[in-house]
């Protein structure tokens, strides 16, 4: 498939922290492929943002921070994940570990953003 420049998201114009998170076992969207594509784009275009990316082996399509998942589904989030995604049934500990790590990464990025904003 050929992508033309006008079809590409101009991620290099983002001013701040660009946090890209995905999982190899995302069966609804090829997250890992697109994260790699965005990483390459950042190498090819001048930018001022700080790119942070991580591609987990397991995490399913719902690579939400654990705290967000618990907010969205306060009861039965683990059961929902196992019902919705085969990878969550096969690798529940790994998927949960991914969500916990994402939770920390997002908290760190928000704290850094707040610190930069406060320091001017």
PDB file of N, CA and C in Angstrom:
ATOM      1  N   UNK A   1       0.842  -1.174   0.000  1.00  0.00           N
ATOM      2  CA  UNK A   1       0.000   0.000   0.000  1.00  0.00           C
ATOM      3  C   UNK A   1       0.889   1.240   0.000  1.00  0.00           C
ATOM      4  N   UNK A   2       0.581   2.162  -0.843  1.00  0.00           N
ATOM      5  CA  UNK A   2       1.335   3.408  -0.938  1.00  0.00           C
ATOM      6  C   UNK A   2       0.602   4.477  -0.141  1.00  0.00           C
ATOM      7  N   UNK A   3       1.325   5.125   0.755  1.00  0.00           N
ATOM      8  CA  UNK A   3       0.765   6.244   1.500  1.00  0.00           C
ATOM      9  C   UNK A   3       1.378   7.527   0.973  1.00  0.00           C
ATOM     10  N   UNK A   4       0.539   8.482   0.688  1.00  0.00           N
ATOM     11  CA  UNK A   4       0.991   9.768   0.206  1.00  0.00           C
ATOM     12  C   UNK A   4       1.149  10.723   1.379  1.00  0.00           C
ATOM     13  N   UNK A   5       2.029  11.685   1.226  1.00  0.00           N
ATOM     14  CA  UNK A   5       2.335  12.617   2.307  1.00  0.00           C
ATOM     15  C   UNK A   5       1.068  13.263   2.876  1.00  0.00           C
ATOM     16  N   UNK A   6       0.130  13.635   2.039  1.00  0.00           N
ATOM     17  CA  UNK A   6      -1.088  14.288   2.540  1.00  0.00           C
ATOM     18  C   UNK A   6      -1.949  13.343   3.383  1.00  0.00           C
ATOM     19  N   UNK A   7      -1.682  12.033   3.330  1.00  0.00           N
ATOM     20  CA  UNK A   7      -2.425  11.069   4.137  1.00  0.00           C
ATOM     21  C   UNK A   7      -1.769  10.801   5.492  1.00  0.00           C
ATOM     22  N   UNK A   8      -0.532  11.248   5.645  1.00  0.00           N
ATOM     23  CA  UNK A   8       0.222  10.980   6.860  1.00  0.00           C
ATOM     24  C   UNK A   8      -0.115  12.000   7.945  1.00  0.00           C
ATOM     25  N   UNK A   9      -0.175  11.546   9.169  1.00  0.00           N
ATOM     26  CA  UNK A   9      -0.368  12.447  10.300  1.00  0.00           C
ATOM     27  C   UNK A   9       0.959  13.149  10.549  1.00  0.00           C
ATOM     28  N   UNK A  10       0.940  14.442  10.633  1.00  0.00           N
ATOM     29  CA  UNK A  10       2.161  15.233  10.804  1.00  0.00           C
ATOM     30  C   UNK A  10       2.587  15.233  12.277  1.00  0.00           C
ATOM     31  N   UNK A  11       2.984  14.083  12.763  1.00  0.00           N
ATOM     32  CA  UNK A  11       3.331  13.954  14.186  1.00  0.00           C
ATOM     33  C   UNK A  11       4.546  14.791  14.561  1.00  0.00           C
ATOM     34  N   UNK A  12       5.379  15.119  13.583  1.00  0.00           N
ATOM     35  CA  UNK A  12       6.570  15.914  13.883  1.00  0.00           C
ATOM     36  C   UNK A  12       6.214  17.341  14.291  1.00  0.00           C
ATOM     37  N   UNK A  13       4.973  17.749  14.094  1.00  0.00           N
ATOM     38  CA  UNK A  13       4.539  19.093  14.480  1.00  0.00           C
ATOM     39  C   UNK A  13       4.065  19.154  15.937  1.00  0.00           C
ATOM     40  N   UNK A  14       4.025  18.019  16.593  1.00  0.00           N
ATOM     41  CA  UNK A  14       3.622  17.981  17.998  1.00  0.00           C
ATOM     42  C   UNK A  14       4.714  18.625  18.827  1.00  0.00           C
ATOM     43  N   UNK A  15       4.333  19.532  19.688  1.00  0.00           N
ATOM     44  CA  UNK A  15       5.293  20.222  20.544  1.00  0.00           C
ATOM     45  C   UNK A  15       5.098  19.724  21.965  1.00  0.00           C
ATOM     46  N   UNK A  16       5.949  18.821  22.381  1.00  0.00           N
ATOM     47  CA  UNK A  16       5.835  18.254  23.718  1.00  0.00           C
ATOM     48  C   UNK A  16       6.290  16.812  23.711  1.00  0.00           C
ATOM     49  N   UNK A  17       5.680  16.028  24.547  1.00  0.00           N
ATOM     50  CA  UNK A  17       6.016  14.613  24.646  1.00  0.00           C
ATOM     51  C   UNK A  17       5.056  13.827  23.763  1.00  0.00           C
ATOM     52  N   UNK A  18       5.590  12.995  22.911  1.00  0.00           N
ATOM     53  CA  UNK A  18       4.783  12.110  22.078  1.00  0.00           C
ATOM     54  C   UNK A  18       4.975  10.701  22.623  1.00  0.00           C
ATOM     55  N   UNK A  19       3.950  10.165  23.210  1.00  0.00           N
ATOM     56  CA  UNK A  19       3.993   8.854  23.851  1.00  0.00           C
ATOM     57  C   UNK A  19       3.189   7.882  22.994  1.00  0.00           C
ATOM     58  N   UNK A  20       3.892   6.953  22.344  1.00  0.00           N
ATOM     59  CA  UNK A  20       3.255   5.951  21.487  1.00  0.00           C
ATOM     60  C   UNK A  20       3.319   4.606  22.188  1.00  0.00           C
ATOM     61  N   UNK A  21       2.172   3.982  22.368  1.00  0.00           N
ATOM     62  CA  UNK A  21       2.099   2.721  23.103  1.00  0.00           C
ATOM     63  C   UNK A  21       1.249   1.739  22.324  1.00  0.00           C
ATOM     64  N   UNK A  22       1.731   0.512  22.203  1.00  0.00           N
ATOM     65  CA  UNK A  22       0.975  -0.514  21.500  1.00  0.00           C
ATOM     66  C   UNK A  22       1.452  -1.900  21.892  1.00  0.00           C
ATOM     67  N   UNK A  23       0.790  -2.891  21.318  1.00  0.00           N
ATOM     68  CA  UNK A  23       1.125  -4.285  21.608  1.00  0.00           C
ATOM     69  C   UNK A  23       1.182  -5.086  20.314  1.00  0.00           C
ATOM     70  N   UNK A  24       2.113  -6.004  20.272  1.00  0.00           N
ATOM     71  CA  UNK A  24       2.259  -6.890  19.121  1.00  0.00           C
ATOM     72  C   UNK A  24       1.014  -7.745  18.912  1.00  0.00           C
ATOM     73  N   UNK A  25       0.328  -8.087  19.997  1.00  0.00           N
ATOM     74  CA  UNK A  25      -0.829  -8.984  19.876  1.00  0.00           C
ATOM     75  C   UNK A  25      -2.157  -8.245  19.677  1.00  0.00           C
ATOM     76  N   UNK A  26      -2.095  -6.995  19.245  1.00  0.00           N
ATOM     77  CA  UNK A  26      -3.302  -6.232  18.912  1.00  0.00           C
ATOM     78  C   UNK A  26      -3.867  -6.802  17.609  1.00  0.00           C
ATOM     79  N   UNK A  27      -5.009  -7.458  17.692  1.00  0.00           N
ATOM     80  CA  UNK A  27      -5.599  -8.103  16.518  1.00  0.00           C
ATOM     81  C   UNK A  27      -6.582  -7.194  15.773  1.00  0.00           C
ATOM     82  N   UNK A  28      -6.896  -6.036  16.332  1.00  0.00           N
ATOM     83  CA  UNK A  28      -7.842  -5.132  15.686  1.00  0.00           C
ATOM     84  C   UNK A  28      -7.151  -4.073  14.831  1.00  0.00           C
ATOM     85  N   UNK A  29      -5.901  -3.793  15.133  1.00  0.00           N
ATOM     86  CA  UNK A  29      -5.154  -2.760  14.406  1.00  0.00           C
ATOM     87  C   UNK A  29      -3.686  -3.127  14.530  1.00  0.00           C
ATOM     88  N   UNK A  30      -2.909  -2.985  13.492  1.00  0.00           N
ATOM     89  CA  UNK A  30      -1.494  -3.353  13.540  1.00  0.00           C
ATOM     90  C   UNK A  30      -0.699  -2.237  14.213  1.00  0.00           C
ATOM     91  N   UNK A  31      -0.930  -2.104  15.496  1.00  0.00           N
ATOM     92  CA  UNK A  31      -0.348  -1.027  16.285  1.00  0.00           C
ATOM     93  C   UNK A  31       1.165  -0.961  16.157  1.00  0.00           C
ATOM     94  N   UNK A  32       1.821  -2.109  16.308  1.00  0.00           N
ATOM     95  CA  UNK A  32       3.283  -2.140  16.272  1.00  0.00           C
ATOM     96  C   UNK A  32       3.813  -1.600  14.944  1.00  0.00           C
ATOM     97  N   UNK A  33       3.178  -1.986  13.864  1.00  0.00           N
ATOM     98  CA  UNK A  33       3.595  -1.523  12.533  1.00  0.00           C
ATOM     99  C   UNK A  33       3.508  -0.002  12.434  1.00  0.00           C
ATOM    100  N   UNK A  34       2.414   0.565  12.914  1.00  0.00           N
ATOM    101  CA  UNK A  34       2.212   1.997  12.792  1.00  0.00           C
ATOM    102  C   UNK A  34       3.091   2.786  13.754  1.00  0.00           C
ATOM    103  N   UNK A  35       3.370   2.231  14.906  1.00  0.00           N
ATOM    104  CA  UNK A  35       4.304   2.892  15.817  1.00  0.00           C
ATOM    105  C   UNK A  35       5.690   2.931  15.176  1.00  0.00           C
ATOM    106  N   UNK A  36       6.086   1.823  14.579  1.00  0.00           N
ATOM    107  CA  UNK A  36       7.389   1.793  13.896  1.00  0.00           C
ATOM    108  C   UNK A  36       7.418   2.801  12.735  1.00  0.00           C
ATOM    109  N   UNK A  37       6.314   2.925  12.045  1.00  0.00           N
ATOM    110  CA  UNK A  37       6.223   3.885  10.940  1.00  0.00           C
ATOM    111  C   UNK A  37       6.347   5.323  11.463  1.00  0.00           C
ATOM    112  N   UNK A  38       5.688   5.610  12.583  1.00  0.00           N
ATOM    113  CA  UNK A  38       5.778   6.955  13.158  1.00  0.00           C
ATOM    114  C   UNK A  38       7.189   7.232  13.676  1.00  0.00           C
ATOM    115  N   UNK A  39       7.822   6.229  14.260  1.00  0.00           N
ATOM    116  CA  UNK A  39       9.201   6.377  14.721  1.00  0.00           C
ATOM    117  C   UNK A  39      10.115   6.725  13.539  1.00  0.00           C
ATOM    118  N   UNK A  40       9.936   6.041  12.436  1.00  0.00           N
ATOM    119  CA  UNK A  40      10.722   6.319  11.231  1.00  0.00           C
ATOM    120  C   UNK A  40      10.458   7.733  10.724  1.00  0.00           C
ATOM    121  N   UNK A  41       9.203   8.134  10.751  1.00  0.00           N
ATOM    122  CA  UNK A  41       8.853   9.489  10.300  1.00  0.00           C
ATOM    123  C   UNK A  41       9.590  10.531  11.137  1.00  0.00           C
ATOM    124  N   UNK A  42       9.696  10.293  12.424  1.00  0.00           N
ATOM    125  CA  UNK A  42      10.389  11.244  13.296  1.00  0.00           C
ATOM    126  C   UNK A  42      11.876  11.320  12.950  1.00  0.00           C
ATOM    127  N   UNK A  43      12.455  10.233  12.479  1.00  0.00           N
ATOM    128  CA  UNK A  43      13.858  10.246  12.059  1.00  0.00           C
ATOM    129  C   UNK A  43      14.043  11.054  10.775  1.00  0.00           C
ATOM    130  N   UNK A  44      13.021  11.079   9.947  1.00  0.00           N
ATOM    131  CA  UNK A  44      13.114  11.703   8.629  1.00  0.00           C
ATOM    132  C   UNK A  44      12.695  13.168   8.603  1.00  0.00           C
ATOM    133  N   UNK A  45      12.030  13.641   9.644  1.00  0.00           N
ATOM    134  CA  UNK A  45      11.527  15.010   9.669  1.00  0.00           C
ATOM    135  C   UNK A  45      12.052  15.737  10.910  1.00  0.00           C
ATOM    136  N   UNK A  46      12.426  16.990  10.754  1.00  0.00           N
ATOM    137  CA  UNK A  46      12.849  17.751  11.940  1.00  0.00           C
ATOM    138  C   UNK A  46      11.660  17.916  12.890  1.00  0.00           C
ATOM    139  N   UNK A  47      11.955  17.847  14.172  1.00  0.00           N
ATOM    140  CA  UNK A  47      10.886  17.972  15.168  1.00  0.00           C
ATOM    141  C   UNK A  47      11.467  18.484  16.470  1.00  0.00           C
ATOM    142  N   UNK A  48      10.588  18.985  17.321  1.00  0.00           N
ATOM    143  CA  UNK A  48      11.023  19.467  18.628  1.00  0.00           C
ATOM    144  C   UNK A  48      10.447  18.628  19.762  1.00  0.00           C
ATOM    145  N   UNK A  49       9.609  17.692  19.441  1.00  0.00           N
ATOM    146  CA  UNK A  49       8.998  16.898  20.506  1.00  0.00           C
ATOM    147  C   UNK A  49       9.936  15.783  20.958  1.00  0.00           C
ATOM    148  N   UNK A  50       9.654  15.292  22.147  1.00  0.00           N
ATOM    149  CA  UNK A  50      10.401  14.159  22.661  1.00  0.00           C
ATOM    150  C   UNK A  50       9.549  12.922  22.421  1.00  0.00           C
ATOM    151  N   UNK A  51      10.088  11.990  21.666  1.00  0.00           N
ATOM    152  CA  UNK A  51       9.370  10.763  21.333  1.00  0.00           C
ATOM    153  C   UNK A  51       9.695   9.692  22.355  1.00  0.00           C
ATOM    154  N   UNK A  52       8.657   9.111  22.902  1.00  0.00           N
ATOM    155  CA  UNK A  52       8.798   7.945  23.773  1.00  0.00           C
ATOM    156  C   UNK A  52       7.833   6.904  23.224  1.00  0.00           C
ATOM    157  N   UNK A  53       8.355   5.741  22.946  1.00  0.00           N
ATOM    158  CA  UNK A  53       7.483   4.706  22.411  1.00  0.00           C
ATOM    159  C   UNK A  53       7.814   3.374  23.067  1.00  0.00           C
ATOM    160  N   UNK A  54       6.818   2.531  23.128  1.00  0.00           N
ATOM    161  CA  UNK A  54       7.017   1.174  23.638  1.00  0.00           C
ATOM    162  C   UNK A  54       6.024   0.258  22.930  1.00  0.00           C
ATOM    163  N   UNK A  55       6.535  -0.878  22.526  1.00  0.00           N
ATOM    164  CA  UNK A  55       5.694  -1.906  21.918  1.00  0.00           C
ATOM    165  C   UNK A  55       5.828  -3.145  22.789  1.00  0.00           C
ATOM    166  N   UNK A  56       4.737  -3.507  23.406  1.00  0.00           N
ATOM    167  CA  UNK A  56       4.716  -4.672  24.297  1.00  0.00           C
ATOM    168  C   UNK A  56       4.406  -5.930  23.489  1.00  0.00           C
ATOM    169  N   UNK A  57       4.895  -7.035  23.956  1.00  0.00           N
ATOM    170  CA  UNK A  57       4.566  -8.302  23.296  1.00  0.00           C
ATOM    171  C   UNK A  57       3.098  -8.645  23.533  1.00  0.00           C
ATOM    172  N   UNK A  58       2.649  -8.453  24.765  1.00  0.00           N
ATOM    173  CA  UNK A  58       1.258  -8.770  25.126  1.00  0.00           C
ATOM    174  C   UNK A  58       0.588  -7.547  25.739  1.00  0.00           C
ATOM    175  N   UNK A  59      -0.654  -7.339  25.354  1.00  0.00           N
ATOM    176  CA  UNK A  59      -1.407  -6.215  25.885  1.00  0.00           C
ATOM    177  C   UNK A  59      -2.770  -6.077  25.240  1.00  0.00           C
ATOM    178  N   UNK A  60      -3.007  -6.753  24.139  1.00  0.00           N
ATOM    179  CA  UNK A  60      -4.249  -6.720  23.361  1.00  0.00           C
ATOM    180  C   UNK A  60      -4.462  -5.335  22.750  1.00  0.00           C
ATOM    181  N   UNK A  61      -5.614  -5.143  22.172  1.00  0.00           N
ATOM    182  CA  UNK A  61      -5.965  -3.859  21.582  1.00  0.00           C
ATOM    183  C   UNK A  61      -6.192  -2.814  22.671  1.00  0.00           C
ATOM    184  N   UNK A  62      -6.616  -3.252  23.842  1.00  0.00           N
ATOM    185  CA  UNK A  62      -6.901  -2.343  24.952  1.00  0.00           C
ATOM    186  C   UNK A  62      -5.650  -2.122  25.786  1.00  0.00           C
ATOM    187  N   UNK A  63      -4.685  -1.412  25.242  1.00  0.00           N
ATOM    188  CA  UNK A  63      -3.478  -1.096  25.991  1.00  0.00           C
ATOM    189  C   UNK A  63      -3.711   0.193  26.785  1.00  0.00           C
ATOM    190  N   UNK A  64      -4.682   0.122  27.664  1.00  0.00           N
ATOM    191  CA  UNK A  64      -4.991   1.248  28.539  1.00  0.00           C
ATOM    192  C   UNK A  64      -4.174   1.110  29.821  1.00  0.00           C
ATOM    193  N   UNK A  65      -3.918   2.231  30.490  1.00  0.00           N
ATOM    194  CA  UNK A  65      -3.352   2.123  31.825  1.00  0.00           C
ATOM    195  C   UNK A  65      -4.317   1.328  32.715  1.00  0.00           C
ATOM    196  N   UNK A  66      -3.781   0.562  33.618  1.00  0.00           N
ATOM    197  CA  UNK A  66      -4.613  -0.265  34.501  1.00  0.00           C
ATOM    198  C   UNK A  66      -5.639   0.586  35.241  1.00  0.00           C
ATOM    199  N   UNK A  67      -5.234   1.759  35.725  1.00  0.00           N
ATOM    200  CA  UNK A  67      -6.168   2.611  36.472  1.00  0.00           C
ATOM    201  C   UNK A  67      -7.320   3.084  35.582  1.00  0.00           C
ATOM    202  N   UNK A  68      -7.050   3.347  34.318  1.00  0.00           N
ATOM    203  CA  UNK A  68      -8.106   3.771  33.406  1.00  0.00           C
ATOM    204  C   UNK A  68      -9.081   2.633  33.140  1.00  0.00           C
ATOM    205  N   UNK A  69      -8.551   1.432  32.956  1.00  0.00           N
ATOM    206  CA  UNK A  69      -9.415   0.281  32.728  1.00  0.00           C
ATOM    207  C   UNK A  69     -10.323   0.059  33.928  1.00  0.00           C
ATOM    208  N   UNK A  70      -9.767   0.211  35.132  1.00  0.00           N
ATOM    209  CA  UNK A  70     -10.567   0.037  36.357  1.00  0.00           C
ATOM    210  C   UNK A  70     -11.627   1.135  36.484  1.00  0.00           C
ATOM    211  N   UNK A  71     -11.329   2.325  35.973  1.00  0.00           N
ATOM    212  CA  UNK A  71     -12.313   3.416  35.997  1.00  0.00           C
ATOM    213  C   UNK A  71     -13.440   3.132  35.009  1.00  0.00           C
ATOM    214  N   UNK A  72     -13.060   2.657  33.813  1.00  0.00           N
ATOM    215  CA  UNK A  72     -14.065   2.380  32.783  1.00  0.00           C
ATOM    216  C   UNK A  72     -14.916   1.167  33.138  1.00  0.00           C
ATOM    217  N   UNK A  73     -14.274   0.152  33.708  1.00  0.00           N
ATOM    218  CA  UNK A  73     -14.962  -1.090  34.075  1.00  0.00           C
ATOM    219  C   UNK A  73     -14.620  -1.441  35.517  1.00  0.00           C
ATOM    220  N   UNK A  74     -15.254  -0.754  36.480  1.00  0.00           N
ATOM    221  CA  UNK A  74     -14.884  -0.967  37.881  1.00  0.00           C
ATOM    222  C   UNK A  74     -15.112  -2.400  38.367  1.00  0.00           C
ATOM    223  N   UNK A  75     -16.053  -3.087  37.755  1.00  0.00           N
ATOM    224  CA  UNK A  75     -16.325  -4.475  38.131  1.00  0.00           C
ATOM    225  C   UNK A  75     -16.180  -5.342  36.884  1.00  0.00           C
ATOM    226  N   UNK A  76     -15.365  -6.362  36.979  1.00  0.00           N
ATOM    227  CA  UNK A  76     -15.277  -7.332  35.899  1.00  0.00           C
ATOM    228  C   UNK A  76     -14.354  -6.982  34.764  1.00  0.00           C
ATOM    229  N   UNK A  77     -13.421  -6.058  34.977  1.00  0.00           N
ATOM    230  CA  UNK A  77     -12.530  -5.678  33.872  1.00  0.00           C
ATOM    231  C   UNK A  77     -11.672  -6.854  33.417  1.00  0.00           C
ATOM    232  N   UNK A  78     -11.194  -7.658  34.364  1.00  0.00           N
ATOM    233  CA  UNK A  78     -10.393  -8.827  34.015  1.00  0.00           C
ATOM    234  C   UNK A  78     -11.187  -9.840  33.212  1.00  0.00           C
ATOM    235  N   UNK A  79     -12.428 -10.058  33.617  1.00  0.00           N
ATOM    236  CA  UNK A  79     -13.298 -10.997  32.905  1.00  0.00           C
ATOM    237  C   UNK A  79     -13.602 -10.474  31.504  1.00  0.00           C
ATOM    238  N   UNK A  80     -13.902  -9.183  31.409  1.00  0.00           N
ATOM    239  CA  UNK A  80     -14.173  -8.588  30.095  1.00  0.00           C
ATOM    240  C   UNK A  80     -12.996  -8.781  29.150  1.00  0.00           C
ATOM    241  N   UNK A  81     -11.794  -8.483  29.640  1.00  0.00           N
ATOM    242  CA  UNK A  81     -10.599  -8.602  28.795  1.00  0.00           C
ATOM    243  C   UNK A  81     -10.434 -10.033  28.303  1.00  0.00           C
ATOM    244  N   UNK A  82     -10.649 -10.993  29.174  1.00  0.00           N
ATOM    245  CA  UNK A  82     -10.498 -12.398  28.782  1.00  0.00           C
ATOM    246  C   UNK A  82     -11.567 -12.824  27.784  1.00  0.00           C
ATOM    247  N   UNK A  83     -12.758 -12.275  27.926  1.00  0.00           N
ATOM    248  CA  UNK A  83     -13.834 -12.595  26.980  1.00  0.00           C
ATOM    249  C   UNK A  83     -13.617 -11.911  25.628  1.00  0.00           C
ATOM    250  N   UNK A  84     -13.091 -10.706  25.666  1.00  0.00           N
ATOM    251  CA  UNK A  84     -12.958  -9.912  24.443  1.00  0.00           C
ATOM    252  C   UNK A  84     -11.731 -10.287  23.613  1.00  0.00           C
ATOM    253  N   UNK A  85     -10.664 -10.705  24.267  1.00  0.00           N
ATOM    254  CA  UNK A  85      -9.404 -10.905  23.548  1.00  0.00           C
ATOM    255  C   UNK A  85      -8.757 -12.233  23.913  1.00  0.00           C
ATOM    256  N   UNK A  86      -8.472 -13.017  22.899  1.00  0.00           N
ATOM    257  CA  UNK A  86      -7.830 -14.307  23.090  1.00  0.00           C
ATOM    258  C   UNK A  86      -6.473 -14.149  23.781  1.00  0.00           C
ATOM    259  N   UNK A  87      -5.732 -13.133  23.419  1.00  0.00           N
ATOM    260  CA  UNK A  87      -4.414 -12.910  24.021  1.00  0.00           C
ATOM    261  C   UNK A  87      -4.531 -12.687  25.524  1.00  0.00           C
ATOM    262  N   UNK A  88      -5.612 -12.037  25.961  1.00  0.00           N
ATOM    263  CA  UNK A  88      -5.810 -11.811  27.393  1.00  0.00           C
ATOM    264  C   UNK A  88      -6.118 -13.122  28.114  1.00  0.00           C
ATOM    265  N   UNK A  89      -6.743 -14.064  27.411  1.00  0.00           N
ATOM    266  CA  UNK A  89      -6.989 -15.391  28.007  1.00  0.00           C
ATOM    267  C   UNK A  89      -5.691 -16.171  28.101  1.00  0.00           C
ATOM    268  N   UNK A  90      -4.881 -16.093  27.056  1.00  0.00           N
ATOM    269  CA  UNK A  90      -3.639 -16.870  27.013  1.00  0.00           C
ATOM    270  C   UNK A  90      -2.524 -16.262  27.869  1.00  0.00           C
ATOM    271  N   UNK A  91      -2.513 -14.943  28.008  1.00  0.00           N
ATOM    272  CA  UNK A  91      -1.421 -14.253  28.706  1.00  0.00           C
ATOM    273  C   UNK A  91      -1.962 -13.206  29.685  1.00  0.00           C
ATOM    274  N   UNK A  92      -2.801 -13.608  30.641  1.00  0.00           N
ATOM    275  CA  UNK A  92      -3.412 -12.605  31.530  1.00  0.00           C
ATOM    276  C   UNK A  92      -2.392 -11.859  32.394  1.00  0.00           C
ATOM    277  N   UNK A  93      -1.394 -12.546  32.894  1.00  0.00           N
ATOM    278  CA  UNK A  93      -0.393 -11.883  33.748  1.00  0.00           C
ATOM    279  C   UNK A  93       0.426 -10.880  32.949  1.00  0.00           C
ATOM    280  N   UNK A  94       0.803 -11.266  31.741  1.00  0.00           N
ATOM    281  CA  UNK A  94       1.590 -10.376  30.898  1.00  0.00           C
ATOM    282  C   UNK A  94       0.784  -9.143  30.490  1.00  0.00           C
ATOM    283  N   UNK A  95      -0.483  -9.344  30.159  1.00  0.00           N
ATOM    284  CA  UNK A  95      -1.344  -8.222  29.770  1.00  0.00           C
ATOM    285  C   UNK A  95      -1.543  -7.261  30.941  1.00  0.00           C
ATOM    286  N   UNK A  96      -1.749  -7.806  32.128  1.00  0.00           N
ATOM    287  CA  UNK A  96      -1.908  -6.953  33.311  1.00  0.00           C
ATOM    288  C   UNK A  96      -0.609  -6.210  33.604  1.00  0.00           C
ATOM    289  N   UNK A  97       0.503  -6.891  33.482  1.00  0.00           N
ATOM    290  CA  UNK A  97       1.805  -6.255  33.688  1.00  0.00           C
ATOM    291  C   UNK A  97       2.008  -5.108  32.701  1.00  0.00           C
ATOM    292  N   UNK A  98       1.590  -5.320  31.463  1.00  0.00           N
ATOM    293  CA  UNK A  98       1.656  -4.268  30.443  1.00  0.00           C
ATOM    294  C   UNK A  98       0.838  -3.065  30.880  1.00  0.00           C
ATOM    295  N   UNK A  99      -0.401  -3.297  31.313  1.00  0.00           N
ATOM    296  CA  UNK A  99      -1.274  -2.189  31.730  1.00  0.00           C
ATOM    297  C   UNK A  99      -0.687  -1.436  32.920  1.00  0.00           C
ATOM    298  N   UNK A 100      -0.088  -2.164  33.860  1.00  0.00           N
ATOM    299  CA  UNK A 100       0.532  -1.509  35.019  1.00  0.00           C
ATOM    300  C   UNK A 100       1.726  -0.653  34.584  1.00  0.00           C
ATOM    301  N   UNK A 101       2.523  -1.166  33.661  1.00  0.00           N
ATOM    302  CA  UNK A 101       3.667  -0.404  33.157  1.00  0.00           C
ATOM    303  C   UNK A 101       3.199   0.838  32.411  1.00  0.00           C
ATOM    304  N   UNK A 102       2.158   0.687  31.614  1.00  0.00           N
ATOM    305  CA  UNK A 102       1.599   1.835  30.883  1.00  0.00           C
ATOM    306  C   UNK A 102       1.112   2.883  31.873  1.00  0.00           C
ATOM    307  N   UNK A 103       0.457   2.427  32.932  1.00  0.00           N
ATOM    308  CA  UNK A 103      -0.024   3.338  33.970  1.00  0.00           C
ATOM    309  C   UNK A 103       1.129   4.209  34.476  1.00  0.00           C
ATOM    310  N   UNK A 104       2.265   3.596  34.777  1.00  0.00           N
ATOM    311  CA  UNK A 104       3.412   4.343  35.290  1.00  0.00           C
ATOM    312  C   UNK A 104       3.992   5.275  34.231  1.00  0.00           C
ATOM    313  N   UNK A 105       4.077   4.803  32.984  1.00  0.00           N
ATOM    314  CA  UNK A 105       4.611   5.642  31.904  1.00  0.00           C
ATOM    315  C   UNK A 105       3.746   6.884  31.685  1.00  0.00           C
ATOM    316  N   UNK A 106       2.436   6.703  31.705  1.00  0.00           N
ATOM    317  CA  UNK A 106       1.532   7.838  31.498  1.00  0.00           C
ATOM    318  C   UNK A 106       1.635   8.802  32.677  1.00  0.00           C
ATOM    319  N   UNK A 107       1.672   8.270  33.880  1.00  0.00           N
ATOM    320  CA  UNK A 107       1.819   9.142  35.062  1.00  0.00           C
ATOM    321  C   UNK A 107       3.113   9.955  34.977  1.00  0.00           C
ATOM    322  N   UNK A 108       4.203   9.296  34.586  1.00  0.00           N
ATOM    323  CA  UNK A 108       5.485   9.985  34.455  1.00  0.00           C
ATOM    324  C   UNK A 108       5.427  11.076  33.388  1.00  0.00           C
ATOM    325  N   UNK A 109       4.813  10.776  32.250  1.00  0.00           N
ATOM    326  CA  UNK A 109       4.705  11.760  31.160  1.00  0.00           C
ATOM    327  C   UNK A 109       3.864  12.959  31.595  1.00  0.00           C
ATOM    328  N   UNK A 110       2.768  12.702  32.293  1.00  0.00           N
ATOM    329  CA  UNK A 110       1.911  13.803  32.764  1.00  0.00           C
ATOM    330  C   UNK A 110       2.654  14.637  33.803  1.00  0.00           C
ATOM    331  N   UNK A 111       3.369  13.983  34.711  1.00  0.00           N
ATOM    332  CA  UNK A 111       4.133  14.712  35.731  1.00  0.00           C
ATOM    333  C   UNK A 111       5.205  15.582  35.071  1.00  0.00           C
ATOM    334  N   UNK A 112       5.882  15.045  34.058  1.00  0.00           N
ATOM    335  CA  UNK A 112       6.899  15.821  33.344  1.00  0.00           C
ATOM    336  C   UNK A 112       6.266  17.005  32.634  1.00  0.00           C
ATOM    337  N   UNK A 113       5.124  16.774  31.991  1.00  0.00           N
ATOM    338  CA  UNK A 113       4.422  17.850  31.298  1.00  0.00           C
ATOM    339  C   UNK A 113       4.023  18.954  32.277  1.00  0.00           C
ATOM    340  N   UNK A 114       3.484  18.566  33.427  1.00  0.00           N
ATOM    341  CA  UNK A 114       3.079  19.554  34.446  1.00  0.00           C
ATOM    342  C   UNK A 114       4.294  20.332  34.955  1.00  0.00           C
ATOM    343  N   UNK A 115       5.398  19.642  35.134  1.00  0.00           N
ATOM    344  CA  UNK A 115       6.615  20.282  35.611  1.00  0.00           C
ATOM    345  C   UNK A 115       7.120  21.295  34.592  1.00  0.00           C
ATOM    346  N   UNK A 116       7.137  20.930  33.316  1.00  0.00           N
ATOM    347  CA  UNK A 116       7.572  21.848  32.261  1.00  0.00           C
ATOM    348  C   UNK A 116       6.655  23.060  32.175  1.00  0.00           C
ATOM    349  N   UNK A 117       5.377  22.818  32.310  1.00  0.00           N
ATOM    350  CA  UNK A 117       4.378  23.885  32.219  1.00  0.00           C
ATOM    351  C   UNK A 117       4.573  24.860  33.389  1.00  0.00           C
ATOM    352  N   UNK A 118       4.811  24.311  34.570  1.00  0.00           N
ATOM    353  CA  UNK A 118       4.982  25.120  35.762  1.00  0.00           C
ATOM    354  C   UNK A 118       6.284  25.919  35.693  1.00  0.00           C
ATOM    355  N   UNK A 119       7.354  25.295  35.167  1.00  0.00           N
ATOM    356  CA  UNK A 119       8.661  25.939  35.110  1.00  0.00           C
ATOM    357  C   UNK A 119       8.781  26.917  33.941  1.00  0.00           C
ATOM    358  N   UNK A 120       7.810  26.830  33.049  1.00  0.00           N
ATOM    359  CA  UNK A 120       7.712  27.820  31.993  1.00  0.00           C
ATOM    360  C   UNK A 120       8.520  27.577  30.810  1.00  0.00           C
TER     361      UNK A 120
END
